[in-house]
Amino acid sequence: MKNISNSTTKTITEIACPQCRKKVPWVDDSKYRPFCSKRCQMIDFGDWAMEKNSLPSEESSEDWENFEE
């Protein structure tokens, strides 16, 4: 994360795009933040959809043994 100043002395924080690492200003006008573009946003979404990404869980398989729909 990096802070930059513009001509009106307003500090703008920059972050690295989680997908390509390109610097992205953290402002309301950044349409795809934290991503730099729709492309990087969709690549990340696809990774989650294909279960390449996951959140750790403490559930065991025993939790699902008695599951009924």
C-alpha atoms as a PDB file:
ATOM      1  CA  MET A   1       0.000   0.000   0.000  1.00  0.00           C
ATOM      2  CA  LYS A   2       1.382   3.402  -0.931  1.00  0.00           C
ATOM      3  CA  ASN A   3       0.126   6.924  -0.260  1.00  0.00           C
ATOM      4  CA  ILE A   4       0.506   9.565  -2.974  1.00  0.00           C
ATOM      5  CA  SER A   5      -0.393  13.243  -2.947  1.00  0.00           C
ATOM      6  CA  ASN A   6      -1.956  15.193  -5.773  1.00  0.00           C
ATOM      7  CA  SER A   7      -1.833  18.951  -6.455  1.00  0.00           C
ATOM      8  CA  THR A   8      -4.571  19.731  -3.903  1.00  0.00           C
ATOM      9  CA  THR A   9      -2.529  18.022  -1.150  1.00  0.00           C
ATOM     10  CA  LYS A  10      -5.111  15.271  -0.823  1.00  0.00           C
ATOM     11  CA  THR A  11      -3.504  11.914  -0.034  1.00  0.00           C
ATOM     12  CA  ILE A  12      -4.589   9.003  -2.215  1.00  0.00           C
ATOM     13  CA  THR A  13      -3.807   5.465  -1.140  1.00  0.00           C
ATOM     14  CA  GLU A  14      -2.628   3.035  -3.813  1.00  0.00           C
ATOM     15  CA  ILE A  15      -2.862  -0.727  -3.484  1.00  0.00           C
ATOM     16  CA  ALA A  16      -1.619  -3.571  -5.641  1.00  0.00           C
ATOM     17  CA  CYS A  17      -4.245  -5.348  -7.764  1.00  0.00           C
ATOM     18  CA  PRO A  18      -4.649  -8.793  -6.165  1.00  0.00           C
ATOM     19  CA  GLN A  19      -4.430 -10.442  -9.584  1.00  0.00           C
ATOM     20  CA  CYS A  20      -1.689  -8.643 -11.567  1.00  0.00           C
ATOM     21  CA  ARG A  21      -0.076  -6.462  -8.846  1.00  0.00           C
ATOM     22  CA  LYS A  22      -0.577  -3.216 -10.866  1.00  0.00           C
ATOM     23  CA  LYS A  23      -0.971  -0.129  -8.628  1.00  0.00           C
ATOM     24  CA  VAL A  24      -4.619   0.941  -8.191  1.00  0.00           C
ATOM     25  CA  PRO A  25      -5.747   4.174  -6.510  1.00  0.00           C
ATOM     26  CA  TRP A  26      -8.139   3.449  -3.608  1.00  0.00           C
ATOM     27  CA  VAL A  27     -10.794   6.030  -4.475  1.00  0.00           C
ATOM     28  CA  ASP A  28     -14.552   5.880  -5.017  1.00  0.00           C
ATOM     29  CA  ASP A  29     -14.036   6.372  -8.769  1.00  0.00           C
ATOM     30  CA  SER A  30     -12.057   3.111  -9.043  1.00  0.00           C
ATOM     31  CA  LYS A  31     -14.814   1.024 -10.603  1.00  0.00           C
ATOM     32  CA  TYR A  32     -13.216  -2.397 -10.061  1.00  0.00           C
ATOM     33  CA  ARG A  33     -11.304  -1.851  -6.834  1.00  0.00           C
ATOM     34  CA  PRO A  34      -9.402  -3.609  -5.456  1.00  0.00           C
ATOM     35  CA  PHE A  35      -8.790  -4.858  -9.000  1.00  0.00           C
ATOM     36  CA  CYS A  36      -7.297  -2.713 -11.769  1.00  0.00           C
ATOM     37  CA  SER A  37      -9.756  -3.885 -14.441  1.00  0.00           C
ATOM     38  CA  LYS A  38     -12.804  -5.992 -15.219  1.00  0.00           C
ATOM     39  CA  ARG A  39     -10.440  -8.628 -16.639  1.00  0.00           C
ATOM     40  CA  CYS A  40      -8.577  -9.063 -13.334  1.00  0.00           C
ATOM     41  CA  GLN A  41     -11.877  -9.052 -11.436  1.00  0.00           C
ATOM     42  CA  MET A  42     -13.287 -11.823 -13.647  1.00  0.00           C
ATOM     43  CA  ILE A  43     -10.110 -13.929 -13.428  1.00  0.00           C
ATOM     44  CA  ASP A  44     -10.390 -13.799  -9.638  1.00  0.00           C
ATOM     45  CA  PHE A  45     -14.110 -14.626  -9.768  1.00  0.00           C
ATOM     46  CA  GLY A  46     -13.363 -17.593 -12.034  1.00  0.00           C
ATOM     47  CA  ASP A  47     -10.744 -18.889  -9.606  1.00  0.00           C
ATOM     48  CA  TRP A  48     -13.320 -18.843  -6.794  1.00  0.00           C
ATOM     49  CA  ALA A  49     -15.976 -20.449  -9.018  1.00  0.00           C
ATOM     50  CA  MET A  50     -13.584 -23.241 -10.022  1.00  0.00           C
ATOM     51  CA  GLU A  51     -12.671 -23.666  -6.329  1.00  0.00           C
ATOM     52  CA  LYS A  52      -9.022 -22.778  -6.898  1.00  0.00           C
ATOM     53  CA  ASN A  53      -9.436 -20.408  -3.936  1.00  0.00           C
ATOM     54  CA  SER A  54     -11.038 -21.373  -0.657  1.00  0.00           C
ATOM     55  CA  LEU A  55     -11.378 -20.184   2.900  1.00  0.00           C
ATOM     56  CA  PRO A  56     -10.011 -22.435   5.631  1.00  0.00           C
ATOM     57  CA  SER A  57     -12.620 -24.219   7.677  1.00  0.00           C
ATOM     58  CA  GLU A  58     -12.573 -26.161  10.896  1.00  0.00           C
ATOM     59  CA  GLU A  59     -15.559 -28.311   9.879  1.00  0.00           C
ATOM     60  CA  SER A  60     -14.964 -32.012   9.754  1.00  0.00           C
ATOM     61  CA  SER A  61     -16.594 -34.519   7.438  1.00  0.00           C
ATOM     62  CA  GLU A  62     -18.544 -35.741  10.463  1.00  0.00           C
ATOM     63  CA  ASP A  63     -20.523 -32.486  10.355  1.00  0.00           C
ATOM     64  CA  TRP A  64     -22.062 -33.600   7.041  1.00  0.00           C
ATOM     65  CA  GLU A  65     -22.865 -37.216   7.946  1.00  0.00           C
ATOM     66  CA  ASN A  66     -26.338 -36.393   9.283  1.00  0.00           C
ATOM     67  CA  PHE A  67     -27.110 -33.614   6.822  1.00  0.00           C
ATOM     68  CA  GLU A  68     -30.522 -33.809   5.175  1.00  0.00           C
ATOM     69  CA  GLU A  69     -31.792 -31.594   2.374  1.00  0.00           C
END
